[in-house]
Every structure is written in structure tokens, then in C-alpha cells.
């Protein structure tokens, strides 16, 4: 599982949980990279649940939200449940405006 400055991972735990922490800004410049990275993480052997901690995101735009939705769909295709956790105020606002709370388990 790749570790880059924008995404930190904890190894798969015995229950199949992988925790990914996103930091900084999730916008057009990083959306594709984050989407692909999270999709790859969901394909990690033993992963059954991917928890994406977004408490350290300072900004998210529509491209970032789209990347998270796409990563969620990729995870589901692998039989993995992807949820968001601890949304920062900007993320919480974006999710509220778009009505995506249920999609991400919030």
C-alpha cells in the first residue's frame, strides 16, 4: 500500500480494517491520485473495511467529493465497505450541501 504525504495508512488489522488519513486539500489537482490510491488500498489482501479519516482535510471541492464517491464504488466492487470518519468542518459542509452523508456512512 503506497504511503504519500497526502494519504497515510495504517496496516490491515486482524478484522480487515484499513485506516487511511487524508491531509491538506482534496481538489482537482489531487482528486485522481487520491481516487486511485484509495481504490488500490481497497484491493489490499485482507481488507474488508476502509475507513477514511478526513479530519485533517482543510479543503475539498466537487472533484474531491467525486474522487471519494468513485473510490467508494471501487471499494464496493471489491466487497469492501468505505466510510468517511471525523469530517473536518469544510468536508462536513460539502457533504451536507451535496447530500452525500448516507453514501459515506455519516
PDB file of N, CA and C in Angstrom:
ATOM      1  N   UNK A   1       0.843  -1.170   0.000  1.00  0.00           N
ATOM      2  CA  UNK A   1       0.000   0.000   0.000  1.00  0.00           C
ATOM      3  C   UNK A   1       0.892   1.239   0.000  1.00  0.00           C
ATOM      4  N   UNK A   2       0.713   2.140  -0.957  1.00  0.00           N
ATOM      5  CA  UNK A   2       1.576   3.310  -1.018  1.00  0.00           C
ATOM      6  C   UNK A   2       1.328   4.265   0.147  1.00  0.00           C
ATOM      7  N   UNK A   3       2.359   4.913   0.571  1.00  0.00           N
ATOM      8  CA  UNK A   3       2.262   5.956   1.595  1.00  0.00           C
ATOM      9  C   UNK A   3       2.813   7.227   0.980  1.00  0.00           C
ATOM     10  N   UNK A   4       1.981   8.234   0.793  1.00  0.00           N
ATOM     11  CA  UNK A   4       2.458   9.506   0.268  1.00  0.00           C
ATOM     12  C   UNK A   4       2.082  10.606   1.255  1.00  0.00           C
ATOM     13  N   UNK A   5       2.575  11.812   1.061  1.00  0.00           N
ATOM     14  CA  UNK A   5       2.318  12.874   2.035  1.00  0.00           C
ATOM     15  C   UNK A   5       0.838  13.213   2.197  1.00  0.00           C
ATOM     16  N   UNK A   6       0.010  12.943   1.189  1.00  0.00           N
ATOM     17  CA  UNK A   6      -1.397  13.288   1.238  1.00  0.00           C
ATOM     18  C   UNK A   6      -2.233  12.213   1.923  1.00  0.00           C
ATOM     19  N   UNK A   7      -1.763  10.974   1.910  1.00  0.00           N
ATOM     20  CA  UNK A   7      -2.509   9.857   2.473  1.00  0.00           C
ATOM     21  C   UNK A   7      -1.575   9.021   3.344  1.00  0.00           C
ATOM     22  N   UNK A   8      -1.981   8.816   4.578  1.00  0.00           N
ATOM     23  CA  UNK A   8      -1.246   7.925   5.486  1.00  0.00           C
ATOM     24  C   UNK A   8      -2.124   6.707   5.755  1.00  0.00           C
ATOM     25  N   UNK A   9      -1.511   5.542   5.771  1.00  0.00           N
ATOM     26  CA  UNK A   9      -2.247   4.303   6.015  1.00  0.00           C
ATOM     27  C   UNK A   9      -1.763   3.630   7.280  1.00  0.00           C
ATOM     28  N   UNK A  10      -2.697   2.975   7.948  1.00  0.00           N
ATOM     29  CA  UNK A  10      -2.363   2.025   9.000  1.00  0.00           C
ATOM     30  C   UNK A  10      -2.516   0.649   8.363  1.00  0.00           C
ATOM     31  N   UNK A  11      -1.689  -0.306   8.727  1.00  0.00           N
ATOM     32  CA  UNK A  11      -1.785  -1.638   8.121  1.00  0.00           C
ATOM     33  C   UNK A  11      -3.139  -2.286   8.411  1.00  0.00           C
ATOM     34  N   UNK A  12      -3.482  -3.271   7.604  1.00  0.00           N
ATOM     35  CA  UNK A  12      -4.723  -4.020   7.814  1.00  0.00           C
ATOM     36  C   UNK A  12      -4.677  -4.658   9.197  1.00  0.00           C
ATOM     37  N   UNK A  13      -5.746  -4.445   9.985  1.00  0.00           N
ATOM     38  CA  UNK A  13      -5.787  -5.071  11.302  1.00  0.00           C
ATOM     39  C   UNK A  13      -6.419  -6.462  11.178  1.00  0.00           C
ATOM     40  N   UNK A  14      -6.431  -7.248  12.254  1.00  0.00           N
ATOM     41  CA  UNK A  14      -6.953  -8.617  12.174  1.00  0.00           C
ATOM     42  C   UNK A  14      -8.415  -8.709  11.731  1.00  0.00           C
ATOM     43  N   UNK A  15      -9.173  -7.626  11.907  1.00  0.00           N
ATOM     44  CA  UNK A  15     -10.579  -7.621  11.497  1.00  0.00           C
ATOM     45  C   UNK A  15     -10.767  -7.145  10.058  1.00  0.00           C
ATOM     46  N   UNK A  16      -9.686  -6.860   9.347  1.00  0.00           N
ATOM     47  CA  UNK A  16      -9.772  -6.428   7.956  1.00  0.00           C
ATOM     48  C   UNK A  16      -9.935  -4.930   7.781  1.00  0.00           C
ATOM     49  N   UNK A  17      -9.714  -4.167   8.841  1.00  0.00           N
ATOM     50  CA  UNK A  17      -9.853  -2.712   8.784  1.00  0.00           C
ATOM     51  C   UNK A  17      -8.554  -2.058   8.331  1.00  0.00           C
ATOM     52  N   UNK A  18      -8.678  -1.175   7.343  1.00  0.00           N
ATOM     53  CA  UNK A  18      -7.577  -0.312   6.928  1.00  0.00           C
ATOM     54  C   UNK A  18      -8.032   1.115   7.183  1.00  0.00           C
ATOM     55  N   UNK A  19      -7.175   1.897   7.841  1.00  0.00           N
ATOM     56  CA  UNK A  19      -7.479   3.302   8.079  1.00  0.00           C
ATOM     57  C   UNK A  19      -6.562   4.139   7.210  1.00  0.00           C
ATOM     58  N   UNK A  20      -7.175   5.017   6.413  1.00  0.00           N
ATOM     59  CA  UNK A  20      -6.438   5.963   5.575  1.00  0.00           C
ATOM     60  C   UNK A  20      -6.755   7.359   6.083  1.00  0.00           C
ATOM     61  N   UNK A  21      -5.731   8.167   6.280  1.00  0.00           N
ATOM     62  CA  UNK A  21      -5.918   9.545   6.730  1.00  0.00           C
ATOM     63  C   UNK A  21      -5.508  10.480   5.601  1.00  0.00           C
ATOM     64  N   UNK A  22      -6.455  11.329   5.185  1.00  0.00           N
ATOM     65  CA  UNK A  22      -6.185  12.320   4.138  1.00  0.00           C
ATOM     66  C   UNK A  22      -5.822  13.642   4.797  1.00  0.00           C
ATOM     67  N   UNK A  23      -4.824  14.320   4.240  1.00  0.00           N
ATOM     68  CA  UNK A  23      -4.402  15.606   4.792  1.00  0.00           C
ATOM     69  C   UNK A  23      -4.354  16.656   3.693  1.00  0.00           C
ATOM     70  N   UNK A  24      -4.400  17.917   4.109  1.00  0.00           N
ATOM     71  CA  UNK A  24      -4.234  19.023   3.165  1.00  0.00           C
ATOM     72  C   UNK A  24      -5.505  19.358   2.429  1.00  0.00           C
ATOM     73  N   UNK A  25      -5.398  19.470   1.104  1.00  0.00           N
ATOM     74  CA  UNK A  25      -6.525  19.846   0.260  1.00  0.00           C
ATOM     75  C   UNK A  25      -6.815  18.734  -0.739  1.00  0.00           C
ATOM     76  N   UNK A  26      -8.094  18.460  -0.913  1.00  0.00           N
ATOM     77  CA  UNK A  26      -8.512  17.472  -1.904  1.00  0.00           C
ATOM     78  C   UNK A  26      -9.300  18.217  -2.966  1.00  0.00           C
ATOM     79  N   UNK A  27      -8.599  18.523  -4.062  1.00  0.00           N
ATOM     80  CA  UNK A  27      -9.190  19.323  -5.131  1.00  0.00           C
ATOM     81  C   UNK A  27      -8.809  18.721  -6.478  1.00  0.00           C
ATOM     82  N   UNK A  28      -9.093  19.463  -7.528  1.00  0.00           N
ATOM     83  CA  UNK A  28      -8.843  19.000  -8.890  1.00  0.00           C
ATOM     84  C   UNK A  28      -7.419  18.471  -9.065  1.00  0.00           C
ATOM     85  N   UNK A  29      -6.445  19.130  -8.461  1.00  0.00           N
ATOM     86  CA  UNK A  29      -5.047  18.732  -8.635  1.00  0.00           C
ATOM     87  C   UNK A  29      -4.734  17.358  -8.047  1.00  0.00           C
ATOM     88  N   UNK A  30      -5.459  16.941  -7.010  1.00  0.00           N
ATOM     89  CA  UNK A  30      -5.136  15.693  -6.322  1.00  0.00           C
ATOM     90  C   UNK A  30      -6.224  14.634  -6.431  1.00  0.00           C
ATOM     91  N   UNK A  31      -7.375  14.984  -6.986  1.00  0.00           N
ATOM     92  CA  UNK A  31      -8.530  14.085  -6.955  1.00  0.00           C
ATOM     93  C   UNK A  31      -8.237  12.719  -7.585  1.00  0.00           C
ATOM     94  N   UNK A  32      -7.667  12.705  -8.774  1.00  0.00           N
ATOM     95  CA  UNK A  32      -7.421  11.429  -9.453  1.00  0.00           C
ATOM     96  C   UNK A  32      -6.430  10.568  -8.676  1.00  0.00           C
ATOM     97  N   UNK A  33      -5.383  11.197  -8.169  1.00  0.00           N
ATOM     98  CA  UNK A  33      -4.376  10.474  -7.388  1.00  0.00           C
ATOM     99  C   UNK A  33      -4.996   9.843  -6.144  1.00  0.00           C
ATOM    100  N   UNK A  34      -5.799  10.607  -5.425  1.00  0.00           N
ATOM    101  CA  UNK A  34      -6.423  10.094  -4.205  1.00  0.00           C
ATOM    102  C   UNK A  34      -7.409   8.982  -4.546  1.00  0.00           C
ATOM    103  N   UNK A  35      -8.216   9.179  -5.584  1.00  0.00           N
ATOM    104  CA  UNK A  35      -9.171   8.149  -6.018  1.00  0.00           C
ATOM    105  C   UNK A  35      -8.452   6.837  -6.310  1.00  0.00           C
ATOM    106  N   UNK A  36      -7.409   6.906  -7.112  1.00  0.00           N
ATOM    107  CA  UNK A  36      -6.680   5.700  -7.499  1.00  0.00           C
ATOM    108  C   UNK A  36      -5.983   5.054  -6.308  1.00  0.00           C
ATOM    109  N   UNK A  37      -5.441   5.880  -5.430  1.00  0.00           N
ATOM    110  CA  UNK A  37      -4.740   5.383  -4.253  1.00  0.00           C
ATOM    111  C   UNK A  37      -5.701   4.648  -3.321  1.00  0.00           C
ATOM    112  N   UNK A  38      -6.881   5.242  -3.070  1.00  0.00           N
ATOM    113  CA  UNK A  38      -7.861   4.595  -2.197  1.00  0.00           C
ATOM    114  C   UNK A  38      -8.424   3.330  -2.846  1.00  0.00           C
ATOM    115  N   UNK A  39      -8.617   3.356  -4.152  1.00  0.00           N
ATOM    116  CA  UNK A  39      -9.097   2.160  -4.852  1.00  0.00           C
ATOM    117  C   UNK A  39      -8.082   1.025  -4.712  1.00  0.00           C
ATOM    118  N   UNK A  40      -6.805   1.354  -4.827  1.00  0.00           N
ATOM    119  CA  UNK A  40      -5.763   0.339  -4.660  1.00  0.00           C
ATOM    120  C   UNK A  40      -5.748  -0.190  -3.231  1.00  0.00           C
ATOM    121  N   UNK A  41      -5.944   0.686  -2.274  1.00  0.00           N
ATOM    122  CA  UNK A  41      -5.967   0.254  -0.872  1.00  0.00           C
ATOM    123  C   UNK A  41      -7.110  -0.711  -0.613  1.00  0.00           C
ATOM    124  N   UNK A  42      -8.248  -0.476  -1.262  1.00  0.00           N
ATOM    125  CA  UNK A  42      -9.393  -1.365  -1.048  1.00  0.00           C
ATOM    126  C   UNK A  42      -9.157  -2.751  -1.643  1.00  0.00           C
ATOM    127  N   UNK A  43      -8.206  -2.856  -2.548  1.00  0.00           N
ATOM    128  CA  UNK A  43      -7.867  -4.145  -3.153  1.00  0.00           C
ATOM    129  C   UNK A  43      -6.770  -4.874  -2.380  1.00  0.00           C
ATOM    130  N   UNK A  44      -6.301  -4.281  -1.286  1.00  0.00           N
ATOM    131  CA  UNK A  44      -5.263  -4.903  -0.465  1.00  0.00           C
ATOM    132  C   UNK A  44      -5.773  -6.226   0.103  1.00  0.00           C
ATOM    133  N   UNK A  45      -4.994  -7.285   0.007  1.00  0.00           N
ATOM    134  CA  UNK A  45      -5.431  -8.568   0.575  1.00  0.00           C
ATOM    135  C   UNK A  45      -5.783  -8.427   2.054  1.00  0.00           C
ATOM    136  N   UNK A  46      -6.922  -8.950   2.418  1.00  0.00           N
ATOM    137  CA  UNK A  46      -7.371  -8.921   3.808  1.00  0.00           C
ATOM    138  C   UNK A  46      -8.221  -7.722   4.157  1.00  0.00           C
ATOM    139  N   UNK A  47      -8.265  -6.714   3.289  1.00  0.00           N
ATOM    140  CA  UNK A  47      -9.051  -5.514   3.568  1.00  0.00           C
ATOM    141  C   UNK A  47     -10.532  -5.796   3.318  1.00  0.00           C
ATOM    142  N   UNK A  48     -11.354  -5.566   4.337  1.00  0.00           N
ATOM    143  CA  UNK A  48     -12.800  -5.697   4.172  1.00  0.00           C
ATOM    144  C   UNK A  48     -13.517  -4.394   4.509  1.00  0.00           C
ATOM    145  N   UNK A  49     -12.792  -3.482   5.151  1.00  0.00           N
ATOM    146  CA  UNK A  49     -13.388  -2.231   5.588  1.00  0.00           C
ATOM    147  C   UNK A  49     -12.332  -1.137   5.480  1.00  0.00           C
ATOM    148  N   UNK A  50     -12.620  -0.085   4.738  1.00  0.00           N
ATOM    149  CA  UNK A  50     -11.683   1.032   4.555  1.00  0.00           C
ATOM    150  C   UNK A  50     -12.292   2.272   5.195  1.00  0.00           C
ATOM    151  N   UNK A  51     -11.667   2.718   6.254  1.00  0.00           N
ATOM    152  CA  UNK A  51     -12.128   3.906   6.981  1.00  0.00           C
ATOM    153  C   UNK A  51     -11.224   5.061   6.579  1.00  0.00           C
ATOM    154  N   UNK A  52     -11.826   6.106   5.980  1.00  0.00           N
ATOM    155  CA  UNK A  52     -11.060   7.246   5.503  1.00  0.00           C
ATOM    156  C   UNK A  52     -11.269   8.404   6.474  1.00  0.00           C
ATOM    157  N   UNK A  53     -10.229   8.709   7.211  1.00  0.00           N
ATOM    158  CA  UNK A  53     -10.260   9.805   8.182  1.00  0.00           C
ATOM    159  C   UNK A  53     -10.015  11.108   7.427  1.00  0.00           C
ATOM    160  N   UNK A  54     -11.006  11.981   7.430  1.00  0.00           N
ATOM    161  CA  UNK A  54     -10.906  13.253   6.710  1.00  0.00           C
ATOM    162  C   UNK A  54     -10.836  14.446   7.668  1.00  0.00           C
ATOM    163  N   UNK A  55     -10.431  14.187   8.902  1.00  0.00           N
ATOM    164  CA  UNK A  55     -10.364  15.249   9.906  1.00  0.00           C
ATOM    165  C   UNK A  55      -9.262  16.262   9.616  1.00  0.00           C
ATOM    166  N   UNK A  56      -8.266  15.878   8.805  1.00  0.00           N
ATOM    167  CA  UNK A  56      -7.146  16.773   8.521  1.00  0.00           C
ATOM    168  C   UNK A  56      -7.240  17.422   7.138  1.00  0.00           C
ATOM    169  N   UNK A  57      -8.394  17.269   6.472  1.00  0.00           N
ATOM    170  CA  UNK A  57      -8.582  17.955   5.193  1.00  0.00           C
ATOM    171  C   UNK A  57      -8.996  19.393   5.452  1.00  0.00           C
ATOM    172  N   UNK A  58      -8.242  20.320   4.880  1.00  0.00           N
ATOM    173  CA  UNK A  58      -8.536  21.744   5.042  1.00  0.00           C
ATOM    174  C   UNK A  58      -9.502  22.259   3.985  1.00  0.00           C
ATOM    175  N   UNK A  59      -9.610  21.532   2.865  1.00  0.00           N
ATOM    176  CA  UNK A  59     -10.438  21.972   1.749  1.00  0.00           C
ATOM    177  C   UNK A  59     -10.820  20.771   0.914  1.00  0.00           C
ATOM    178  N   UNK A  60     -12.038  20.796   0.381  1.00  0.00           N
ATOM    179  CA  UNK A  60     -12.472  19.783  -0.578  1.00  0.00           C
ATOM    180  C   UNK A  60     -13.392  20.465  -1.577  1.00  0.00           C
ATOM    181  N   UNK A  61     -13.235  20.128  -2.851  1.00  0.00           N
ATOM    182  CA  UNK A  61     -14.118  20.686  -3.878  1.00  0.00           C
ATOM    183  C   UNK A  61     -14.921  19.546  -4.499  1.00  0.00           C
ATOM    184  N   UNK A  62     -15.683  19.863  -5.537  1.00  0.00           N
ATOM    185  CA  UNK A  62     -16.538  18.853  -6.149  1.00  0.00           C
ATOM    186  C   UNK A  62     -15.725  17.721  -6.767  1.00  0.00           C
ATOM    187  N   UNK A  63     -14.543  18.017  -7.270  1.00  0.00           N
ATOM    188  CA  UNK A  63     -13.684  16.962  -7.818  1.00  0.00           C
ATOM    189  C   UNK A  63     -13.230  16.019  -6.710  1.00  0.00           C
ATOM    190  N   UNK A  64     -12.907  16.583  -5.566  1.00  0.00           N
ATOM    191  CA  UNK A  64     -12.517  15.766  -4.421  1.00  0.00           C
ATOM    192  C   UNK A  64     -13.652  14.872  -3.956  1.00  0.00           C
ATOM    193  N   UNK A  65     -14.851  15.435  -3.874  1.00  0.00           N
ATOM    194  CA  UNK A  65     -16.010  14.616  -3.499  1.00  0.00           C
ATOM    195  C   UNK A  65     -16.249  13.518  -4.526  1.00  0.00           C
ATOM    196  N   UNK A  66     -16.109  13.864  -5.795  1.00  0.00           N
ATOM    197  CA  UNK A  66     -16.281  12.862  -6.845  1.00  0.00           C
ATOM    198  C   UNK A  66     -15.261  11.744  -6.731  1.00  0.00           C
ATOM    199  N   UNK A  67     -14.032  12.106  -6.368  1.00  0.00           N
ATOM    200  CA  UNK A  67     -12.982  11.101  -6.194  1.00  0.00           C
ATOM    201  C   UNK A  67     -13.332  10.151  -5.055  1.00  0.00           C
ATOM    202  N   UNK A  68     -13.879  10.689  -3.973  1.00  0.00           N
ATOM    203  CA  UNK A  68     -14.258   9.847  -2.834  1.00  0.00           C
ATOM    204  C   UNK A  68     -15.431   8.936  -3.195  1.00  0.00           C
ATOM    205  N   UNK A  69     -16.389   9.445  -3.953  1.00  0.00           N
ATOM    206  CA  UNK A  69     -17.511   8.614  -4.390  1.00  0.00           C
ATOM    207  C   UNK A  69     -16.999   7.501  -5.296  1.00  0.00           C
ATOM    208  N   UNK A  70     -16.109   7.828  -6.216  1.00  0.00           N
ATOM    209  CA  UNK A  70     -15.547   6.829  -7.117  1.00  0.00           C
ATOM    210  C   UNK A  70     -14.748   5.777  -6.346  1.00  0.00           C
ATOM    211  N   UNK A  71     -13.965   6.213  -5.363  1.00  0.00           N
ATOM    212  CA  UNK A  71     -13.198   5.271  -4.539  1.00  0.00           C
ATOM    213  C   UNK A  71     -14.138   4.359  -3.761  1.00  0.00           C
ATOM    214  N   UNK A  72     -15.242   4.922  -3.283  1.00  0.00           N
ATOM    215  CA  UNK A  72     -16.239   4.129  -2.570  1.00  0.00           C
ATOM    216  C   UNK A  72     -16.826   3.065  -3.497  1.00  0.00           C
ATOM    217  N   UNK A  73     -17.121   3.434  -4.731  1.00  0.00           N
ATOM    218  CA  UNK A  73     -17.677   2.485  -5.689  1.00  0.00           C
ATOM    219  C   UNK A  73     -16.664   1.392  -6.049  1.00  0.00           C
ATOM    220  N   UNK A  74     -15.401   1.767  -6.191  1.00  0.00           N
ATOM    221  CA  UNK A  74     -14.351   0.775  -6.460  1.00  0.00           C
ATOM    222  C   UNK A  74     -14.215  -0.187  -5.291  1.00  0.00           C
ATOM    223  N   UNK A  75     -14.254   0.361  -4.087  1.00  0.00           N
ATOM    224  CA  UNK A  75     -14.168  -0.489  -2.893  1.00  0.00           C
ATOM    225  C   UNK A  75     -15.333  -1.469  -2.862  1.00  0.00           C
ATOM    226  N   UNK A  76     -16.536  -0.982  -3.122  1.00  0.00           N
ATOM    227  CA  UNK A  76     -17.714  -1.849  -3.114  1.00  0.00           C
ATOM    228  C   UNK A  76     -17.577  -2.976  -4.136  1.00  0.00           C
ATOM    229  N   UNK A  77     -16.978  -2.677  -5.277  1.00  0.00           N
ATOM    230  CA  UNK A  77     -16.762  -3.702  -6.297  1.00  0.00           C
ATOM    231  C   UNK A  77     -15.830  -4.805  -5.794  1.00  0.00           C
ATOM    232  N   UNK A  78     -14.966  -4.479  -4.823  1.00  0.00           N
ATOM    233  CA  UNK A  78     -14.069  -5.470  -4.215  1.00  0.00           C
ATOM    234  C   UNK A  78     -14.679  -6.088  -2.956  1.00  0.00           C
ATOM    235  N   UNK A  79     -15.921  -5.726  -2.649  1.00  0.00           N
ATOM    236  CA  UNK A  79     -16.566  -6.240  -1.441  1.00  0.00           C
ATOM    237  C   UNK A  79     -16.116  -5.527  -0.182  1.00  0.00           C
ATOM    238  N   UNK A  80     -15.554  -4.330  -0.333  1.00  0.00           N
ATOM    239  CA  UNK A  80     -15.028  -3.549   0.796  1.00  0.00           C
ATOM    240  C   UNK A  80     -15.969  -2.382   1.074  1.00  0.00           C
ATOM    241  N   UNK A  81     -16.241  -2.146   2.346  1.00  0.00           N
ATOM    242  CA  UNK A  81     -17.052  -1.006   2.753  1.00  0.00           C
ATOM    243  C   UNK A  81     -16.140   0.175   3.029  1.00  0.00           C
ATOM    244  N   UNK A  82     -16.360   1.280   2.319  1.00  0.00           N
ATOM    245  CA  UNK A  82     -15.589   2.505   2.529  1.00  0.00           C
ATOM    246  C   UNK A  82     -16.488   3.518   3.219  1.00  0.00           C
ATOM    247  N   UNK A  83     -16.021   4.042   4.344  1.00  0.00           N
ATOM    248  CA  UNK A  83     -16.744   5.102   5.037  1.00  0.00           C
ATOM    249  C   UNK A  83     -15.787   6.246   5.344  1.00  0.00           C
ATOM    250  N   UNK A  84     -16.353   7.435   5.511  1.00  0.00           N
ATOM    251  CA  UNK A  84     -15.582   8.588   5.950  1.00  0.00           C
ATOM    252  C   UNK A  84     -15.749   8.728   7.450  1.00  0.00           C
ATOM    253  N   UNK A  85     -14.714   9.236   8.102  1.00  0.00           N
ATOM    254  CA  UNK A  85     -14.763   9.417   9.548  1.00  0.00           C
ATOM    255  C   UNK A  85     -14.205  10.778   9.931  1.00  0.00           C
ATOM    256  N   UNK A  86     -14.742  11.330  10.970  1.00  0.00           N
ATOM    257  CA  UNK A  86     -14.248  12.572  11.563  1.00  0.00           C
ATOM    258  C   UNK A  86     -14.124  13.703  10.551  1.00  0.00           C
ATOM    259  N   UNK A  87     -15.184  14.021   9.797  1.00  0.00           N
ATOM    260  CA  UNK A  87     -15.046  15.075   8.791  1.00  0.00           C
ATOM    261  C   UNK A  87     -14.730  16.439   9.402  1.00  0.00           C
ATOM    262  N   UNK A  88     -13.764  17.104   8.806  1.00  0.00           N
ATOM    263  CA  UNK A  88     -13.430  18.471   9.219  1.00  0.00           C
ATOM    264  C   UNK A  88     -14.596  19.379   8.829  1.00  0.00           C
ATOM    265  N   UNK A  89     -14.657  20.598   9.368  1.00  0.00           N
ATOM    266  CA  UNK A  89     -15.768  21.498   9.013  1.00  0.00           C
ATOM    267  C   UNK A  89     -15.951  21.706   7.503  1.00  0.00           C
ATOM    268  N   UNK A  90     -14.879  21.922   6.715  1.00  0.00           N
ATOM    269  CA  UNK A  90     -15.106  22.085   5.273  1.00  0.00           C
ATOM    270  C   UNK A  90     -15.685  20.825   4.614  1.00  0.00           C
ATOM    271  N   UNK A  91     -15.235  19.665   5.062  1.00  0.00           N
ATOM    272  CA  UNK A  91     -15.738  18.413   4.496  1.00  0.00           C
ATOM    273  C   UNK A  91     -17.186  18.206   4.921  1.00  0.00           C
ATOM    274  N   UNK A  92     -17.480  18.454   6.183  1.00  0.00           N
ATOM    275  CA  UNK A  92     -18.848  18.300   6.678  1.00  0.00           C
ATOM    276  C   UNK A  92     -19.806  19.197   5.892  1.00  0.00           C
ATOM    277  N   UNK A  93     -19.385  20.437   5.627  1.00  0.00           N
ATOM    278  CA  UNK A  93     -20.229  21.372   4.883  1.00  0.00           C
ATOM    279  C   UNK A  93     -20.461  20.876   3.456  1.00  0.00           C
ATOM    280  N   UNK A  94     -19.406  20.435   2.780  1.00  0.00           N
ATOM    281  CA  UNK A  94     -19.533  19.949   1.403  1.00  0.00           C
ATOM    282  C   UNK A  94     -20.448  18.732   1.330  1.00  0.00           C
ATOM    283  N   UNK A  95     -20.330  17.848   2.299  1.00  0.00           N
ATOM    284  CA  UNK A  95     -21.167  16.649   2.311  1.00  0.00           C
ATOM    285  C   UNK A  95     -22.623  17.022   2.590  1.00  0.00           C
ATOM    286  N   UNK A  96     -22.830  17.966   3.489  1.00  0.00           N
ATOM    287  CA  UNK A  96     -24.197  18.410   3.792  1.00  0.00           C
ATOM    288  C   UNK A  96     -24.846  19.056   2.569  1.00  0.00           C
ATOM    289  N   UNK A  97     -24.097  19.905   1.875  1.00  0.00           N
ATOM    290  CA  UNK A  97     -24.632  20.605   0.702  1.00  0.00           C
ATOM    291  C   UNK A  97     -24.997  19.613  -0.410  1.00  0.00           C
ATOM    292  N   UNK A  98     -24.202  18.579  -0.557  1.00  0.00           N
ATOM    293  CA  UNK A  98     -24.427  17.613  -1.648  1.00  0.00           C
ATOM    294  C   UNK A  98     -25.339  16.459  -1.252  1.00  0.00           C
ATOM    295  N   UNK A  99     -25.613  16.317   0.037  1.00  0.00           N
ATOM    296  CA  UNK A  99     -26.472  15.212   0.490  1.00  0.00           C
ATOM    297  C   UNK A  99     -25.818  13.853   0.435  1.00  0.00           C
ATOM    298  N   UNK A 100     -24.494  13.806   0.523  1.00  0.00           N
ATOM    299  CA  UNK A 100     -23.765  12.543   0.413  1.00  0.00           C
ATOM    300  C   UNK A 100     -23.515  11.843   1.754  1.00  0.00           C
ATOM    301  N   UNK A 101     -24.090  12.340   2.830  1.00  0.00           N
ATOM    302  CA  UNK A 101     -23.830  11.760   4.153  1.00  0.00           C
ATOM    303  C   UNK A 101     -24.124  10.283   4.217  1.00  0.00           C
ATOM    304  N   UNK A 102     -25.255   9.857   3.699  1.00  0.00           N
ATOM    305  CA  UNK A 102     -25.611   8.440   3.746  1.00  0.00           C
ATOM    306  C   UNK A 102     -24.679   7.578   2.904  1.00  0.00           C
ATOM    307  N   UNK A 103     -24.200   8.137   1.803  1.00  0.00           N
ATOM    308  CA  UNK A 103     -23.296   7.399   0.923  1.00  0.00           C
ATOM    309  C   UNK A 103     -22.016   7.028   1.664  1.00  0.00           C
ATOM    310  N   UNK A 104     -21.570   7.922   2.548  1.00  0.00           N
ATOM    311  CA  UNK A 104     -20.304   7.728   3.250  1.00  0.00           C
ATOM    312  C   UNK A 104     -20.464   7.255   4.689  1.00  0.00           C
ATOM    313  N   UNK A 105     -21.649   6.856   5.077  1.00  0.00           N
ATOM    314  CA  UNK A 105     -21.845   6.324   6.422  1.00  0.00           C
ATOM    315  C   UNK A 105     -21.785   7.379   7.500  1.00  0.00           C
ATOM    316  N   UNK A 106     -22.179   8.616   7.176  1.00  0.00           N
ATOM    317  CA  UNK A 106     -22.167   9.686   8.181  1.00  0.00           C
ATOM    318  C   UNK A 106     -23.584   9.996   8.621  1.00  0.00           C
TER     319      UNK A 106
END
